[in-house]
């Protein structure tokens, strides 16, 4: 079976499961987007795993990033927004 056939089968099963579970009505595009999130392409999956591993290494080495509020303030200044 080719990858395309496997993907089609996987997507079909995903859609049937969504219908069976009575989840909210979704368009075919929304269903495909959700399926793609849950079934990333091999290279995208590998890229995501590498990024997560790099973040874990950074954290283990003491890098704690930036406090979310600092990012929010920077964006507000950058786009001329005010706090509500």
PDB file of N, CA and C in Angstrom:
ATOM      1  N   UNK A   1       0.855  -1.175   0.000  1.00  0.00           N
ATOM      2  CA  UNK A   1       0.000   0.000   0.000  1.00  0.00           C
ATOM      3  C   UNK A   1       0.903   1.241   0.000  1.00  0.00           C
ATOM      4  N   UNK A   2       0.572   2.220  -0.815  1.00  0.00           N
ATOM      5  CA  UNK A   2       1.369   3.436  -0.896  1.00  0.00           C
ATOM      6  C   UNK A   2       1.057   4.359   0.272  1.00  0.00           C
ATOM      7  N   UNK A   3       1.936   5.313   0.472  1.00  0.00           N
ATOM      8  CA  UNK A   3       1.719   6.288   1.543  1.00  0.00           C
ATOM      9  C   UNK A   3       0.413   7.026   1.338  1.00  0.00           C
ATOM     10  N   UNK A   4       0.117   7.404   0.104  1.00  0.00           N
ATOM     11  CA  UNK A   4      -1.132   8.116  -0.184  1.00  0.00           C
ATOM     12  C   UNK A   4      -2.338   7.276   0.204  1.00  0.00           C
ATOM     13  N   UNK A   5      -2.310   6.005  -0.136  1.00  0.00           N
ATOM     14  CA  UNK A   5      -3.419   5.124   0.228  1.00  0.00           C
ATOM     15  C   UNK A   5      -3.534   5.000   1.744  1.00  0.00           C
ATOM     16  N   UNK A   6      -2.392   4.899   2.414  1.00  0.00           N
ATOM     17  CA  UNK A   6      -2.404   4.813   3.881  1.00  0.00           C
ATOM     18  C   UNK A   6      -2.968   6.095   4.492  1.00  0.00           C
ATOM     19  N   UNK A   7      -2.553   7.233   3.948  1.00  0.00           N
ATOM     20  CA  UNK A   7      -3.063   8.513   4.441  1.00  0.00           C
ATOM     21  C   UNK A   7      -4.568   8.622   4.231  1.00  0.00           C
ATOM     22  N   UNK A   8      -5.050   8.210   3.075  1.00  0.00           N
ATOM     23  CA  UNK A   8      -6.485   8.258   2.800  1.00  0.00           C
ATOM     24  C   UNK A   8      -7.259   7.361   3.756  1.00  0.00           C
ATOM     25  N   UNK A   9      -6.732   6.178   4.000  1.00  0.00           N
ATOM     26  CA  UNK A   9      -7.391   5.271   4.939  1.00  0.00           C
ATOM     27  C   UNK A   9      -7.403   5.864   6.341  1.00  0.00           C
ATOM     28  N   UNK A  10      -6.271   6.432   6.743  1.00  0.00           N
ATOM     29  CA  UNK A  10      -6.164   7.039   8.059  1.00  0.00           C
ATOM     30  C   UNK A  10      -7.142   8.206   8.200  1.00  0.00           C
ATOM     31  N   UNK A  11      -7.199   9.051   7.182  1.00  0.00           N
ATOM     32  CA  UNK A  11      -8.106  10.196   7.215  1.00  0.00           C
ATOM     33  C   UNK A  11      -9.555   9.730   7.255  1.00  0.00           C
ATOM     34  N   UNK A  12      -9.887   8.735   6.462  1.00  0.00           N
ATOM     35  CA  UNK A  12     -11.255   8.199   6.438  1.00  0.00           C
ATOM     36  C   UNK A  12     -11.651   7.674   7.812  1.00  0.00           C
ATOM     37  N   UNK A  13     -10.758   6.926   8.454  1.00  0.00           N
ATOM     38  CA  UNK A  13     -11.048   6.410   9.790  1.00  0.00           C
ATOM     39  C   UNK A  13     -11.205   7.555  10.796  1.00  0.00           C
ATOM     40  N   UNK A  14     -10.373   8.574  10.662  1.00  0.00           N
ATOM     41  CA  UNK A  14     -10.465   9.744  11.535  1.00  0.00           C
ATOM     42  C   UNK A  14     -11.833  10.406  11.397  1.00  0.00           C
ATOM     43  N   UNK A  15     -12.275  10.617  10.161  1.00  0.00           N
ATOM     44  CA  UNK A  15     -13.565  11.270   9.908  1.00  0.00           C
ATOM     45  C   UNK A  15     -14.706  10.421  10.474  1.00  0.00           C
ATOM     46  N   UNK A  16     -14.653   9.124  10.230  1.00  0.00           N
ATOM     47  CA  UNK A  16     -15.702   8.234  10.750  1.00  0.00           C
ATOM     48  C   UNK A  16     -15.757   8.299  12.273  1.00  0.00           C
ATOM     49  N   UNK A  17     -14.602   8.368  12.918  1.00  0.00           N
ATOM     50  CA  UNK A  17     -14.539   8.452  14.375  1.00  0.00           C
ATOM     51  C   UNK A  17     -15.146   9.768  14.863  1.00  0.00           C
ATOM     52  N   UNK A  18     -14.875  10.861  14.162  1.00  0.00           N
ATOM     53  CA  UNK A  18     -15.447  12.155  14.535  1.00  0.00           C
ATOM     54  C   UNK A  18     -16.971  12.114  14.438  1.00  0.00           C
ATOM     55  N   UNK A  19     -17.476  11.497  13.382  1.00  0.00           N
ATOM     56  CA  UNK A  19     -18.925  11.386  13.191  1.00  0.00           C
ATOM     57  C   UNK A  19     -19.525  10.501  14.277  1.00  0.00           C
ATOM     58  N   UNK A  20     -18.876   9.376  14.548  1.00  0.00           N
ATOM     59  CA  UNK A  20     -19.360   8.438  15.557  1.00  0.00           C
ATOM     60  C   UNK A  20     -19.421   9.076  16.939  1.00  0.00           C
ATOM     61  N   UNK A  21     -18.420   9.909  17.257  1.00  0.00           N
ATOM     62  CA  UNK A  21     -18.364  10.552  18.564  1.00  0.00           C
ATOM     63  C   UNK A  21     -19.327  11.720  18.681  1.00  0.00           C
ATOM     64  N   UNK A  22     -19.950  12.093  17.560  1.00  0.00           N
ATOM     65  CA  UNK A  22     -20.911  13.183  17.581  1.00  0.00           C
ATOM     66  C   UNK A  22     -20.274  14.535  17.835  1.00  0.00           C
ATOM     67  N   UNK A  23     -18.975  14.643  17.520  1.00  0.00           N
ATOM     68  CA  UNK A  23     -18.296  15.925  17.693  1.00  0.00           C
ATOM     69  C   UNK A  23     -18.999  16.983  16.852  1.00  0.00           C
ATOM     70  N   UNK A  24     -18.762  18.246  17.229  1.00  0.00           N
ATOM     71  CA  UNK A  24     -19.414  19.350  16.524  1.00  0.00           C
ATOM     72  C   UNK A  24     -19.192  19.217  15.026  1.00  0.00           C
ATOM     73  N   UNK A  25     -20.107  19.721  14.263  1.00  0.00           N
ATOM     74  CA  UNK A  25     -20.001  19.658  12.811  1.00  0.00           C
ATOM     75  C   UNK A  25     -18.769  20.429  12.353  1.00  0.00           C
ATOM     76  N   UNK A  26     -17.956  19.773  11.570  1.00  0.00           N
ATOM     77  CA  UNK A  26     -16.748  20.400  11.050  1.00  0.00           C
ATOM     78  C   UNK A  26     -16.771  20.293   9.535  1.00  0.00           C
ATOM     79  N   UNK A  27     -16.207  21.294   8.898  1.00  0.00           N
ATOM     80  CA  UNK A  27     -16.092  21.231   7.440  1.00  0.00           C
ATOM     81  C   UNK A  27     -14.998  20.230   7.079  1.00  0.00           C
ATOM     82  N   UNK A  28     -14.961  19.840   5.837  1.00  0.00           N
ATOM     83  CA  UNK A  28     -13.934  18.916   5.378  1.00  0.00           C
ATOM     84  C   UNK A  28     -12.554  19.525   5.575  1.00  0.00           C
ATOM     85  N   UNK A  29     -12.441  20.835   5.376  1.00  0.00           N
ATOM     86  CA  UNK A  29     -11.158  21.512   5.580  1.00  0.00           C
ATOM     87  C   UNK A  29     -10.742  21.473   7.049  1.00  0.00           C
ATOM     88  N   UNK A  30     -11.706  21.709   7.948  1.00  0.00           N
ATOM     89  CA  UNK A  30     -11.406  21.657   9.379  1.00  0.00           C
ATOM     90  C   UNK A  30     -11.023  20.244   9.798  1.00  0.00           C
ATOM     91  N   UNK A  31     -11.729  19.262   9.262  1.00  0.00           N
ATOM     92  CA  UNK A  31     -11.389  17.875   9.567  1.00  0.00           C
ATOM     93  C   UNK A  31      -9.981  17.541   9.094  1.00  0.00           C
ATOM     94  N   UNK A  32      -9.651  17.968   7.876  1.00  0.00           N
ATOM     95  CA  UNK A  32      -8.320  17.683   7.352  1.00  0.00           C
ATOM     96  C   UNK A  32      -7.253  18.386   8.178  1.00  0.00           C
ATOM     97  N   UNK A  33      -7.493  19.637   8.542  1.00  0.00           N
ATOM     98  CA  UNK A  33      -6.525  20.371   9.358  1.00  0.00           C
ATOM     99  C   UNK A  33      -6.292  19.667  10.694  1.00  0.00           C
ATOM    100  N   UNK A  34      -7.378  19.235  11.322  1.00  0.00           N
ATOM    101  CA  UNK A  34      -7.250  18.541  12.602  1.00  0.00           C
ATOM    102  C   UNK A  34      -6.516  17.213  12.431  1.00  0.00           C
ATOM    103  N   UNK A  35      -6.843  16.480  11.392  1.00  0.00           N
ATOM    104  CA  UNK A  35      -6.171  15.208  11.128  1.00  0.00           C
ATOM    105  C   UNK A  35      -4.683  15.442  10.882  1.00  0.00           C
ATOM    106  N   UNK A  36      -4.346  16.487  10.143  1.00  0.00           N
ATOM    107  CA  UNK A  36      -2.948  16.788   9.833  1.00  0.00           C
ATOM    108  C   UNK A  36      -2.178  17.128  11.105  1.00  0.00           C
ATOM    109  N   UNK A  37      -2.821  17.851  12.036  1.00  0.00           N
ATOM    110  CA  UNK A  37      -2.174  18.164  13.312  1.00  0.00           C
ATOM    111  C   UNK A  37      -1.853  16.874  14.059  1.00  0.00           C
ATOM    112  N   UNK A  38      -2.795  15.947  14.023  1.00  0.00           N
ATOM    113  CA  UNK A  38      -2.617  14.691  14.744  1.00  0.00           C
ATOM    114  C   UNK A  38      -1.756  13.686  13.984  1.00  0.00           C
ATOM    115  N   UNK A  39      -1.529  13.932  12.698  1.00  0.00           N
ATOM    116  CA  UNK A  39      -0.743  13.017  11.861  1.00  0.00           C
ATOM    117  C   UNK A  39       0.223  13.812  10.983  1.00  0.00           C
ATOM    118  N   UNK A  40       1.232  14.440  11.609  1.00  0.00           N
ATOM    119  CA  UNK A  40       2.140  15.280  10.822  1.00  0.00           C
ATOM    120  C   UNK A  40       2.975  14.448   9.855  1.00  0.00           C
ATOM    121  N   UNK A  41       3.428  15.110   8.807  1.00  0.00           N
ATOM    122  CA  UNK A  41       4.325  14.462   7.863  1.00  0.00           C
ATOM    123  C   UNK A  41       5.599  14.057   8.593  1.00  0.00           C
ATOM    124  N   UNK A  42       6.265  13.026   8.118  1.00  0.00           N
ATOM    125  CA  UNK A  42       7.464  12.516   8.764  1.00  0.00           C
ATOM    126  C   UNK A  42       8.516  13.572   9.028  1.00  0.00           C
ATOM    127  N   UNK A  43       8.807  14.400   8.016  1.00  0.00           N
ATOM    128  CA  UNK A  43       9.851  15.412   8.192  1.00  0.00           C
ATOM    129  C   UNK A  43       9.418  16.496   9.183  1.00  0.00           C
ATOM    130  N   UNK A  44       8.143  16.847   9.190  1.00  0.00           N
ATOM    131  CA  UNK A  44       7.650  17.832  10.140  1.00  0.00           C
ATOM    132  C   UNK A  44       7.696  17.267  11.554  1.00  0.00           C
ATOM    133  N   UNK A  45       7.332  16.014  11.697  1.00  0.00           N
ATOM    134  CA  UNK A  45       7.386  15.357  13.003  1.00  0.00           C
ATOM    135  C   UNK A  45       8.819  15.359  13.533  1.00  0.00           C
ATOM    136  N   UNK A  46       9.775  14.994  12.682  1.00  0.00           N
ATOM    137  CA  UNK A  46      11.178  14.960  13.082  1.00  0.00           C
ATOM    138  C   UNK A  46      11.655  16.359  13.472  1.00  0.00           C
ATOM    139  N   UNK A  47      11.235  17.362  12.733  1.00  0.00           N
ATOM    140  CA  UNK A  47      11.605  18.753  13.035  1.00  0.00           C
ATOM    141  C   UNK A  47      11.028  19.178  14.384  1.00  0.00           C
ATOM    142  N   UNK A  48       9.782  18.808  14.657  1.00  0.00           N
ATOM    143  CA  UNK A  48       9.152  19.147  15.937  1.00  0.00           C
ATOM    144  C   UNK A  48       9.856  18.454  17.101  1.00  0.00           C
ATOM    145  N   UNK A  49      10.206  17.191  16.919  1.00  0.00           N
ATOM    146  CA  UNK A  49      10.905  16.452  17.971  1.00  0.00           C
ATOM    147  C   UNK A  49      12.267  17.097  18.250  1.00  0.00           C
ATOM    148  N   UNK A  50      12.976  17.482  17.200  1.00  0.00           N
ATOM    149  CA  UNK A  50      14.281  18.126  17.372  1.00  0.00           C
ATOM    150  C   UNK A  50      14.138  19.452  18.128  1.00  0.00           C
ATOM    151  N   UNK A  51      13.112  20.230  17.807  1.00  0.00           N
ATOM    152  CA  UNK A  51      12.889  21.503  18.488  1.00  0.00           C
ATOM    153  C   UNK A  51      12.555  21.290  19.966  1.00  0.00           C
ATOM    154  N   UNK A  52      11.743  20.303  20.254  1.00  0.00           N
ATOM    155  CA  UNK A  52      11.398  20.002  21.648  1.00  0.00           C
ATOM    156  C   UNK A  52      12.629  19.554  22.414  1.00  0.00           C
ATOM    157  N   UNK A  53      13.435  18.686  21.808  1.00  0.00           N
ATOM    158  CA  UNK A  53      14.656  18.222  22.462  1.00  0.00           C
ATOM    159  C   UNK A  53      15.619  19.379  22.728  1.00  0.00           C
ATOM    160  N   UNK A  54      15.728  20.313  21.787  1.00  0.00           N
ATOM    161  CA  UNK A  54      16.592  21.478  21.975  1.00  0.00           C
ATOM    162  C   UNK A  54      16.077  22.333  23.138  1.00  0.00           C
ATOM    163  N   UNK A  55      14.767  22.478  23.239  1.00  0.00           N
ATOM    164  CA  UNK A  55      14.184  23.253  24.339  1.00  0.00           C
ATOM    165  C   UNK A  55      14.439  22.581  25.682  1.00  0.00           C
ATOM    166  N   UNK A  56      14.340  21.280  25.709  1.00  0.00           N
ATOM    167  CA  UNK A  56      14.604  20.534  26.947  1.00  0.00           C
ATOM    168  C   UNK A  56      16.063  20.716  27.363  1.00  0.00           C
ATOM    169  N   UNK A  57      16.978  20.614  26.408  1.00  0.00           N
ATOM    170  CA  UNK A  57      18.401  20.818  26.710  1.00  0.00           C
ATOM    171  C   UNK A  57      18.634  22.231  27.249  1.00  0.00           C
ATOM    172  N   UNK A  58      18.028  23.231  26.607  1.00  0.00           N
ATOM    173  CA  UNK A  58      18.164  24.607  27.081  1.00  0.00           C
ATOM    174  C   UNK A  58      17.674  24.738  28.520  1.00  0.00           C
ATOM    175  N   UNK A  59      16.532  24.143  28.805  1.00  0.00           N
ATOM    176  CA  UNK A  59      15.952  24.209  30.145  1.00  0.00           C
ATOM    177  C   UNK A  59      16.883  23.541  31.156  1.00  0.00           C
ATOM    178  N   UNK A  60      17.427  22.379  30.790  1.00  0.00           N
ATOM    179  CA  UNK A  60      18.329  21.660  31.691  1.00  0.00           C
ATOM    180  C   UNK A  60      19.615  22.442  31.952  1.00  0.00           C
ATOM    181  N   UNK A  61      19.982  23.299  31.016  1.00  0.00           N
ATOM    182  CA  UNK A  61      21.188  24.109  31.171  1.00  0.00           C
ATOM    183  C   UNK A  61      20.886  25.451  31.845  1.00  0.00           C
ATOM    184  N   UNK A  62      19.665  25.622  32.320  1.00  0.00           N
ATOM    185  CA  UNK A  62      19.322  26.808  33.083  1.00  0.00           C
ATOM    186  C   UNK A  62      18.594  27.898  32.316  1.00  0.00           C
ATOM    187  N   UNK A  63      18.430  27.732  31.018  1.00  0.00           N
ATOM    188  CA  UNK A  63      17.709  28.733  30.225  1.00  0.00           C
ATOM    189  C   UNK A  63      16.222  28.646  30.554  1.00  0.00           C
ATOM    190  N   UNK A  64      15.658  29.729  31.022  1.00  0.00           N
ATOM    191  CA  UNK A  64      14.254  29.724  31.404  1.00  0.00           C
ATOM    192  C   UNK A  64      13.400  30.579  30.482  1.00  0.00           C
ATOM    193  N   UNK A  65      14.010  31.128  29.439  1.00  0.00           N
ATOM    194  CA  UNK A  65      13.237  31.907  28.487  1.00  0.00           C
ATOM    195  C   UNK A  65      12.835  33.249  29.051  1.00  0.00           C
ATOM    196  N   UNK A  66      11.795  33.795  28.497  1.00  0.00           N
ATOM    197  CA  UNK A  66      11.296  35.111  28.892  1.00  0.00           C
ATOM    198  C   UNK A  66       9.902  34.954  29.488  1.00  0.00           C
ATOM    199  N   UNK A  67       9.628  35.718  30.500  1.00  0.00           N
ATOM    200  CA  UNK A  67       8.308  35.702  31.123  1.00  0.00           C
ATOM    201  C   UNK A  67       7.277  36.148  30.085  1.00  0.00           C
ATOM    202  N   UNK A  68       6.162  35.455  30.018  1.00  0.00           N
ATOM    203  CA  UNK A  68       5.135  35.743  29.003  1.00  0.00           C
ATOM    204  C   UNK A  68       4.705  37.205  29.027  1.00  0.00           C
ATOM    205  N   UNK A  69       4.606  37.787  30.199  1.00  0.00           N
ATOM    206  CA  UNK A  69       4.195  39.176  30.307  1.00  0.00           C
ATOM    207  C   UNK A  69       5.145  40.121  29.590  1.00  0.00           C
ATOM    208  N   UNK A  70       6.432  39.776  29.582  1.00  0.00           N
ATOM    209  CA  UNK A  70       7.407  40.604  28.877  1.00  0.00           C
ATOM    210  C   UNK A  70       7.157  40.554  27.368  1.00  0.00           C
ATOM    211  N   UNK A  71       6.800  39.384  26.863  1.00  0.00           N
ATOM    212  CA  UNK A  71       6.471  39.258  25.443  1.00  0.00           C
ATOM    213  C   UNK A  71       5.222  40.074  25.106  1.00  0.00           C
ATOM    214  N   UNK A  72       4.234  39.976  25.986  1.00  0.00           N
ATOM    215  CA  UNK A  72       2.989  40.707  25.763  1.00  0.00           C
ATOM    216  C   UNK A  72       3.240  42.201  25.721  1.00  0.00           C
ATOM    217  N   UNK A  73       4.042  42.684  26.663  1.00  0.00           N
ATOM    218  CA  UNK A  73       4.339  44.116  26.712  1.00  0.00           C
ATOM    219  C   UNK A  73       5.085  44.552  25.454  1.00  0.00           C
ATOM    220  N   UNK A  74       6.039  43.747  25.015  1.00  0.00           N
ATOM    221  CA  UNK A  74       6.799  44.069  23.802  1.00  0.00           C
ATOM    222  C   UNK A  74       5.871  44.156  22.584  1.00  0.00           C
ATOM    223  N   UNK A  75       4.948  43.203  22.469  1.00  0.00           N
ATOM    224  CA  UNK A  75       4.010  43.214  21.345  1.00  0.00           C
ATOM    225  C   UNK A  75       3.076  44.423  21.409  1.00  0.00           C
ATOM    226  N   UNK A  76       2.611  44.752  22.620  1.00  0.00           N
ATOM    227  CA  UNK A  76       1.749  45.932  22.761  1.00  0.00           C
ATOM    228  C   UNK A  76       2.474  47.191  22.298  1.00  0.00           C
ATOM    229  N   UNK A  77       3.730  47.322  22.697  1.00  0.00           N
ATOM    230  CA  UNK A  77       4.512  48.491  22.289  1.00  0.00           C
ATOM    231  C   UNK A  77       4.745  48.496  20.778  1.00  0.00           C
ATOM    232  N   UNK A  78       5.092  47.327  20.260  1.00  0.00           N
ATOM    233  CA  UNK A  78       5.385  47.194  18.831  1.00  0.00           C
ATOM    234  C   UNK A  78       4.189  47.552  17.957  1.00  0.00           C
ATOM    235  N   UNK A  79       2.988  47.158  18.412  1.00  0.00           N
ATOM    236  CA  UNK A  79       1.783  47.377  17.598  1.00  0.00           C
ATOM    237  C   UNK A  79       0.915  48.528  18.110  1.00  0.00           C
ATOM    238  N   UNK A  80       1.413  49.266  19.074  1.00  0.00           N
ATOM    239  CA  UNK A  80       0.688  50.426  19.574  1.00  0.00           C
ATOM    240  C   UNK A  80      -0.608  50.076  20.284  1.00  0.00           C
ATOM    241  N   UNK A  81      -0.642  48.960  20.970  1.00  0.00           N
ATOM    242  CA  UNK A  81      -1.846  48.527  21.673  1.00  0.00           C
ATOM    243  C   UNK A  81      -1.755  48.923  23.148  1.00  0.00           C
ATOM    244  N   UNK A  82      -2.905  49.002  23.781  1.00  0.00           N
ATOM    245  CA  UNK A  82      -2.931  49.331  25.203  1.00  0.00           C
ATOM    246  C   UNK A  82      -3.547  48.170  25.964  1.00  0.00           C
ATOM    247  N   UNK A  83      -3.231  48.126  27.258  1.00  0.00           N
ATOM    248  CA  UNK A  83      -3.829  47.101  28.114  1.00  0.00           C
ATOM    249  C   UNK A  83      -5.301  47.411  28.308  1.00  0.00           C
ATOM    250  N   UNK A  84      -6.099  46.384  28.437  1.00  0.00           N
ATOM    251  CA  UNK A  84      -7.540  46.581  28.681  1.00  0.00           C
ATOM    252  C   UNK A  84      -7.832  46.383  30.132  1.00  0.00           C
TER     253      UNK A  84
END
